[in-house]
Amino acid sequence: MKLIINGETQVCEAVTLAELLHVLEYEGDWLATAVNGDLVHREDRAGHLLDDGDRIEILSPMQGG
């Protein structure tokens, strides 16, 4: 299915948000995720099903000052 991930269209076979994060090698408890503008909490990612055309934002904290 086609997904828009951080503004870029990608084809991915992941079914859930948790699977997508694993495929893209995003790991850690500090990620913020949103699907179609709605925040998806860490504990809900495994059950959040993705649909063709979903817009996914994945944010991770940056260090520095």
PDB file of N, CA and C in Angstrom:
ATOM      1  N   MET A   1       0.840  -1.174   0.000  1.00  0.00           N
ATOM      2  CA  MET A   1       0.000   0.000   0.000  1.00  0.00           C
ATOM      3  C   MET A   1       0.885   1.236   0.000  1.00  0.00           C
ATOM      4  N   LYS A   2       0.349   2.330  -0.512  1.00  0.00           N
ATOM      5  CA  LYS A   2       1.077   3.592  -0.531  1.00  0.00           C
ATOM      6  C   LYS A   2       0.765   4.364   0.739  1.00  0.00           C
ATOM      7  N   LEU A   3       1.825   4.824   1.394  1.00  0.00           N
ATOM      8  CA  LEU A   3       1.713   5.641   2.595  1.00  0.00           C
ATOM      9  C   LEU A   3       2.526   6.903   2.392  1.00  0.00           C
ATOM     10  N   ILE A   4       2.108   7.978   3.010  1.00  0.00           N
ATOM     11  CA  ILE A   4       2.886   9.214   2.978  1.00  0.00           C
ATOM     12  C   ILE A   4       3.533   9.342   4.351  1.00  0.00           C
ATOM     13  N   ILE A   5       4.837   9.129   4.385  1.00  0.00           N
ATOM     14  CA  ILE A   5       5.576   9.088   5.641  1.00  0.00           C
ATOM     15  C   ILE A   5       6.491  10.304   5.708  1.00  0.00           C
ATOM     16  N   ASN A   6       6.236  11.153   6.676  1.00  0.00           N
ATOM     17  CA  ASN A   6       6.985  12.403   6.838  1.00  0.00           C
ATOM     18  C   ASN A   6       7.080  13.165   5.519  1.00  0.00           C
ATOM     19  N   GLY A   7       5.962  13.196   4.786  1.00  0.00           N
ATOM     20  CA  GLY A   7       5.877  13.977   3.565  1.00  0.00           C
ATOM     21  C   GLY A   7       6.325  13.272   2.300  1.00  0.00           C
ATOM     22  N   GLU A   8       6.828  12.042   2.396  1.00  0.00           N
ATOM     23  CA  GLU A   8       7.303  11.311   1.225  1.00  0.00           C
ATOM     24  C   GLU A   8       6.451  10.069   1.000  1.00  0.00           C
ATOM     25  N   THR A   9       6.039   9.848  -0.237  1.00  0.00           N
ATOM     26  CA  THR A   9       5.240   8.671  -0.564  1.00  0.00           C
ATOM     27  C   THR A   9       6.141   7.443  -0.614  1.00  0.00           C
ATOM     28  N   GLN A  10       5.730   6.396   0.084  1.00  0.00           N
ATOM     29  CA  GLN A  10       6.470   5.143   0.105  1.00  0.00           C
ATOM     30  C   GLN A  10       5.485   3.997  -0.029  1.00  0.00           C
ATOM     31  N   VAL A  11       5.957   2.893  -0.588  1.00  0.00           N
ATOM     32  CA  VAL A  11       5.158   1.677  -0.669  1.00  0.00           C
ATOM     33  C   VAL A  11       5.641   0.756   0.429  1.00  0.00           C
ATOM     34  N   CYS A  12       4.719   0.242   1.224  1.00  0.00           N
ATOM     35  CA  CYS A  12       5.072  -0.598   2.366  1.00  0.00           C
ATOM     36  C   CYS A  12       3.966  -1.618   2.584  1.00  0.00           C
ATOM     37  N   GLU A  13       4.347  -2.800   3.042  1.00  0.00           N
ATOM     38  CA  GLU A  13       3.380  -3.864   3.297  1.00  0.00           C
ATOM     39  C   GLU A  13       2.979  -3.958   4.768  1.00  0.00           C
ATOM     40  N   ALA A  14       3.427  -3.029   5.587  1.00  0.00           N
ATOM     41  CA  ALA A  14       3.077  -3.052   7.014  1.00  0.00           C
ATOM     42  C   ALA A  14       1.569  -2.870   7.175  1.00  0.00           C
ATOM     43  N   VAL A  15       1.000  -3.598   8.118  1.00  0.00           N
ATOM     44  CA  VAL A  15      -0.440  -3.540   8.369  1.00  0.00           C
ATOM     45  C   VAL A  15      -0.767  -2.611   9.532  1.00  0.00           C
ATOM     46  N   THR A  16       0.116  -2.574  10.536  1.00  0.00           N
ATOM     47  CA  THR A  16      -0.110  -1.723  11.704  1.00  0.00           C
ATOM     48  C   THR A  16       0.989  -0.671  11.805  1.00  0.00           C
ATOM     49  N   LEU A  17       0.729   0.327  12.600  1.00  0.00           N
ATOM     50  CA  LEU A  17       1.731   1.367  12.817  1.00  0.00           C
ATOM     51  C   LEU A  17       2.975   0.783  13.478  1.00  0.00           C
ATOM     52  N   ALA A  18       2.809  -0.140  14.407  1.00  0.00           N
ATOM     53  CA  ALA A  18       3.961  -0.769  15.056  1.00  0.00           C
ATOM     54  C   ALA A  18       4.820  -1.523  14.044  1.00  0.00           C
ATOM     55  N   GLU A  19       4.192  -2.239  13.103  1.00  0.00           N
ATOM     56  CA  GLU A  19       4.942  -2.948  12.068  1.00  0.00           C
ATOM     57  C   GLU A  19       5.705  -1.965  11.186  1.00  0.00           C
ATOM     58  N   LEU A  20       5.071  -0.863  10.841  1.00  0.00           N
ATOM     59  CA  LEU A  20       5.728   0.143  10.013  1.00  0.00           C
ATOM     60  C   LEU A  20       6.968   0.684  10.706  1.00  0.00           C
ATOM     61  N   LEU A  21       6.852   1.009  11.970  1.00  0.00           N
ATOM     62  CA  LEU A  21       8.000   1.520  12.717  1.00  0.00           C
ATOM     63  C   LEU A  21       9.127   0.498  12.745  1.00  0.00           C
ATOM     64  N   HIS A  22       8.787  -0.769  12.886  1.00  0.00           N
ATOM     65  CA  HIS A  22       9.809  -1.827  12.896  1.00  0.00           C
ATOM     66  C   HIS A  22      10.487  -1.927  11.525  1.00  0.00           C
ATOM     67  N   VAL A  23       9.697  -1.917  10.456  1.00  0.00           N
ATOM     68  CA  VAL A  23      10.249  -2.008   9.096  1.00  0.00           C
ATOM     69  C   VAL A  23      11.173  -0.827   8.810  1.00  0.00           C
ATOM     70  N   LEU A  24      10.791   0.350   9.261  1.00  0.00           N
ATOM     71  CA  LEU A  24      11.593   1.553   9.029  1.00  0.00           C
ATOM     72  C   LEU A  24      12.732   1.712  10.038  1.00  0.00           C
ATOM     73  N   GLU A  25      12.826   0.765  10.956  1.00  0.00           N
ATOM     74  CA  GLU A  25      13.878   0.732  11.984  1.00  0.00           C
ATOM     75  C   GLU A  25      13.831   1.916  12.936  1.00  0.00           C
ATOM     76  N   TYR A  26      12.611   2.347  13.251  1.00  0.00           N
ATOM     77  CA  TYR A  26      12.424   3.339  14.303  1.00  0.00           C
ATOM     78  C   TYR A  26      12.184   2.570  15.592  1.00  0.00           C
ATOM     79  N   GLU A  27      13.039   2.754  16.567  1.00  0.00           N
ATOM     80  CA  GLU A  27      12.905   2.062  17.841  1.00  0.00           C
ATOM     81  C   GLU A  27      12.979   3.089  18.963  1.00  0.00           C
ATOM     82  N   GLY A  28      12.408   2.752  20.075  1.00  0.00           N
ATOM     83  CA  GLY A  28      12.526   3.612  21.246  1.00  0.00           C
ATOM     84  C   GLY A  28      11.192   4.122  21.746  1.00  0.00           C
ATOM     85  N   ASP A  29      11.200   4.479  22.990  1.00  0.00           N
ATOM     86  CA  ASP A  29       9.992   4.946  23.646  1.00  0.00           C
ATOM     87  C   ASP A  29       9.743   6.435  23.425  1.00  0.00           C
ATOM     88  N   TRP A  30      10.670   7.138  22.832  1.00  0.00           N
ATOM     89  CA  TRP A  30      10.572   8.586  22.739  1.00  0.00           C
ATOM     90  C   TRP A  30      10.000   9.074  21.421  1.00  0.00           C
ATOM     91  N   LEU A  31       9.502   8.175  20.598  1.00  0.00           N
ATOM     92  CA  LEU A  31       8.924   8.584  19.323  1.00  0.00           C
ATOM     93  C   LEU A  31       7.528   9.165  19.513  1.00  0.00           C
ATOM     94  N   ALA A  32       7.217  10.132  18.702  1.00  0.00           N
ATOM     95  CA  ALA A  32       5.845  10.638  18.629  1.00  0.00           C
ATOM     96  C   ALA A  32       5.319  10.254  17.254  1.00  0.00           C
ATOM     97  N   THR A  33       4.099   9.705  17.206  1.00  0.00           N
ATOM     98  CA  THR A  33       3.536   9.277  15.930  1.00  0.00           C
ATOM     99  C   THR A  33       2.132   9.839  15.761  1.00  0.00           C
ATOM    100  N   ALA A  34       1.835  10.184  14.515  1.00  0.00           N
ATOM    101  CA  ALA A  34       0.488  10.655  14.176  1.00  0.00           C
ATOM    102  C   ALA A  34       0.092  10.046  12.840  1.00  0.00           C
ATOM    103  N   VAL A  35      -1.169   9.686  12.720  1.00  0.00           N
ATOM    104  CA  VAL A  35      -1.719   9.176  11.466  1.00  0.00           C
ATOM    105  C   VAL A  35      -2.877  10.083  11.076  1.00  0.00           C
ATOM    106  N   ASN A  36      -2.754  10.658   9.895  1.00  0.00           N
ATOM    107  CA  ASN A  36      -3.769  11.594   9.390  1.00  0.00           C
ATOM    108  C   ASN A  36      -4.059  12.719  10.391  1.00  0.00           C
ATOM    109  N   GLY A  37      -3.005  13.174  11.042  1.00  0.00           N
ATOM    110  CA  GLY A  37      -3.123  14.295  11.964  1.00  0.00           C
ATOM    111  C   GLY A  37      -3.537  13.948  13.377  1.00  0.00           C
ATOM    112  N   ASP A  38      -3.842  12.682  13.635  1.00  0.00           N
ATOM    113  CA  ASP A  38      -4.255  12.258  14.971  1.00  0.00           C
ATOM    114  C   ASP A  38      -3.111  11.544  15.678  1.00  0.00           C
ATOM    115  N   LEU A  39      -2.785  11.991  16.863  1.00  0.00           N
ATOM    116  CA  LEU A  39      -1.731  11.374  17.657  1.00  0.00           C
ATOM    117  C   LEU A  39      -2.081   9.921  17.966  1.00  0.00           C
ATOM    118  N   VAL A  40      -1.097   9.029  17.808  1.00  0.00           N
ATOM    119  CA  VAL A  40      -1.276   7.615  18.164  1.00  0.00           C
ATOM    120  C   VAL A  40      -0.277   7.311  19.279  1.00  0.00           C
ATOM    121  N   HIS A  41      -0.792   7.018  20.451  1.00  0.00           N
ATOM    122  CA  HIS A  41       0.055   6.742  21.604  1.00  0.00           C
ATOM    123  C   HIS A  41       0.789   5.423  21.443  1.00  0.00           C
ATOM    124  N   ARG A  42       1.925   5.333  22.072  1.00  0.00           N
ATOM    125  CA  ARG A  42       2.790   4.153  21.991  1.00  0.00           C
ATOM    126  C   ARG A  42       2.018   2.861  22.240  1.00  0.00           C
ATOM    127  N   GLU A  43       1.177   2.835  23.262  1.00  0.00           N
ATOM    128  CA  GLU A  43       0.463   1.606  23.614  1.00  0.00           C
ATOM    129  C   GLU A  43      -0.622   1.244  22.594  1.00  0.00           C
ATOM    130  N   ASP A  44      -0.961   2.161  21.693  1.00  0.00           N
ATOM    131  CA  ASP A  44      -1.997   1.904  20.688  1.00  0.00           C
ATOM    132  C   ASP A  44      -1.435   1.556  19.308  1.00  0.00           C
ATOM    133  N   ARG A  45      -0.130   1.634  19.130  1.00  0.00           N
ATOM    134  CA  ARG A  45       0.470   1.437  17.804  1.00  0.00           C
ATOM    135  C   ARG A  45       0.270   0.037  17.250  1.00  0.00           C
ATOM    136  N   ALA A  46       0.341  -0.982  18.093  1.00  0.00           N
ATOM    137  CA  ALA A  46       0.212  -2.364  17.612  1.00  0.00           C
ATOM    138  C   ALA A  46      -1.192  -2.643  17.089  1.00  0.00           C
ATOM    139  N   GLY A  47      -2.187  -1.949  17.591  1.00  0.00           N
ATOM    140  CA  GLY A  47      -3.556  -2.165  17.163  1.00  0.00           C
ATOM    141  C   GLY A  47      -4.050  -1.160  16.133  1.00  0.00           C
ATOM    142  N   HIS A  48      -3.207  -0.189  15.788  1.00  0.00           N
ATOM    143  CA  HIS A  48      -3.638   0.847  14.843  1.00  0.00           C
ATOM    144  C   HIS A  48      -3.390   0.373  13.407  1.00  0.00           C
ATOM    145  N   LEU A  49      -4.468   0.020  12.714  1.00  0.00           N
ATOM    146  CA  LEU A  49      -4.370  -0.466  11.338  1.00  0.00           C
ATOM    147  C   LEU A  49      -4.167   0.692  10.374  1.00  0.00           C
ATOM    148  N   LEU A  50      -3.326   0.460   9.378  1.00  0.00           N
ATOM    149  CA  LEU A  50      -3.044   1.475   8.368  1.00  0.00           C
ATOM    150  C   LEU A  50      -3.902   1.236   7.134  1.00  0.00           C
ATOM    151  N   ASP A  51      -4.239   2.318   6.433  1.00  0.00           N
ATOM    152  CA  ASP A  51      -4.999   2.259   5.187  1.00  0.00           C
ATOM    153  C   ASP A  51      -4.185   2.907   4.078  1.00  0.00           C
ATOM    154  N   ASP A  52      -4.435   2.479   2.865  1.00  0.00           N
ATOM    155  CA  ASP A  52      -3.777   3.056   1.703  1.00  0.00           C
ATOM    156  C   ASP A  52      -3.990   4.571   1.700  1.00  0.00           C
ATOM    157  N   GLY A  53      -2.909   5.310   1.522  1.00  0.00           N
ATOM    158  CA  GLY A  53      -2.992   6.766   1.467  1.00  0.00           C
ATOM    159  C   GLY A  53      -2.860   7.474   2.803  1.00  0.00           C
ATOM    160  N   ASP A  54      -2.710   6.721   3.895  1.00  0.00           N
ATOM    161  CA  ASP A  54      -2.551   7.360   5.208  1.00  0.00           C
ATOM    162  C   ASP A  54      -1.325   8.259   5.221  1.00  0.00           C
ATOM    163  N   ARG A  55      -1.450   9.369   5.945  1.00  0.00           N
ATOM    164  CA  ARG A  55      -0.340  10.308   6.152  1.00  0.00           C
ATOM    165  C   ARG A  55       0.204  10.065   7.554  1.00  0.00           C
ATOM    166  N   ILE A  56       1.452   9.626   7.614  1.00  0.00           N
ATOM    167  CA  ILE A  56       2.063   9.276   8.894  1.00  0.00           C
ATOM    168  C   ILE A  56       3.208  10.236   9.183  1.00  0.00           C
ATOM    169  N   GLU A  57       3.212  10.745  10.388  1.00  0.00           N
ATOM    170  CA  GLU A  57       4.313  11.593  10.854  1.00  0.00           C
ATOM    171  C   GLU A  57       5.008  10.862  11.988  1.00  0.00           C
ATOM    172  N   ILE A  58       6.321  10.756  11.881  1.00  0.00           N
ATOM    173  CA  ILE A  58       7.131  10.112  12.912  1.00  0.00           C
ATOM    174  C   ILE A  58       8.175  11.127  13.350  1.00  0.00           C
ATOM    175  N   LEU A  59       8.150  11.463  14.620  1.00  0.00           N
ATOM    176  CA  LEU A  59       9.079  12.447  15.160  1.00  0.00           C
ATOM    177  C   LEU A  59       9.892  11.825  16.272  1.00  0.00           C
ATOM    178  N   SER A  60      11.173  12.131  16.260  1.00  0.00           N
ATOM    179  CA  SER A  60      12.029  11.692  17.366  1.00  0.00           C
ATOM    180  C   SER A  60      12.749  12.915  17.910  1.00  0.00           C
ATOM    181  N   PRO A  61      13.042  12.909  19.197  1.00  0.00           N
ATOM    182  CA  PRO A  61      13.677  14.073  19.802  1.00  0.00           C
ATOM    183  C   PRO A  61      15.103  14.259  19.290  1.00  0.00           C
ATOM    184  N   MET A  62      15.508  15.505  19.259  1.00  0.00           N
ATOM    185  CA  MET A  62      16.882  15.829  18.872  1.00  0.00           C
ATOM    186  C   MET A  62      17.612  16.362  20.087  1.00  0.00           C
ATOM    187  N   GLN A  63      18.880  16.050  20.158  1.00  0.00           N
ATOM    188  CA  GLN A  63      19.686  16.579  21.257  1.00  0.00           C
ATOM    189  C   GLN A  63      20.501  17.755  20.738  1.00  0.00           C
ATOM    190  N   GLY A  64      20.869  18.566  21.646  1.00  0.00           N
ATOM    191  CA  GLY A  64      21.675  19.722  21.268  1.00  0.00           C
ATOM    192  C   GLY A  64      21.144  20.978  21.914  1.00  0.00           C
ATOM    193  N   GLY A  65      21.710  22.054  21.571  1.00  0.00           N
ATOM    194  CA  GLY A  65      21.250  23.283  22.182  1.00  0.00           C
ATOM    195  C   GLY A  65      21.547  24.475  21.349  1.00  0.00           C
TER     196      GLY A  65
END
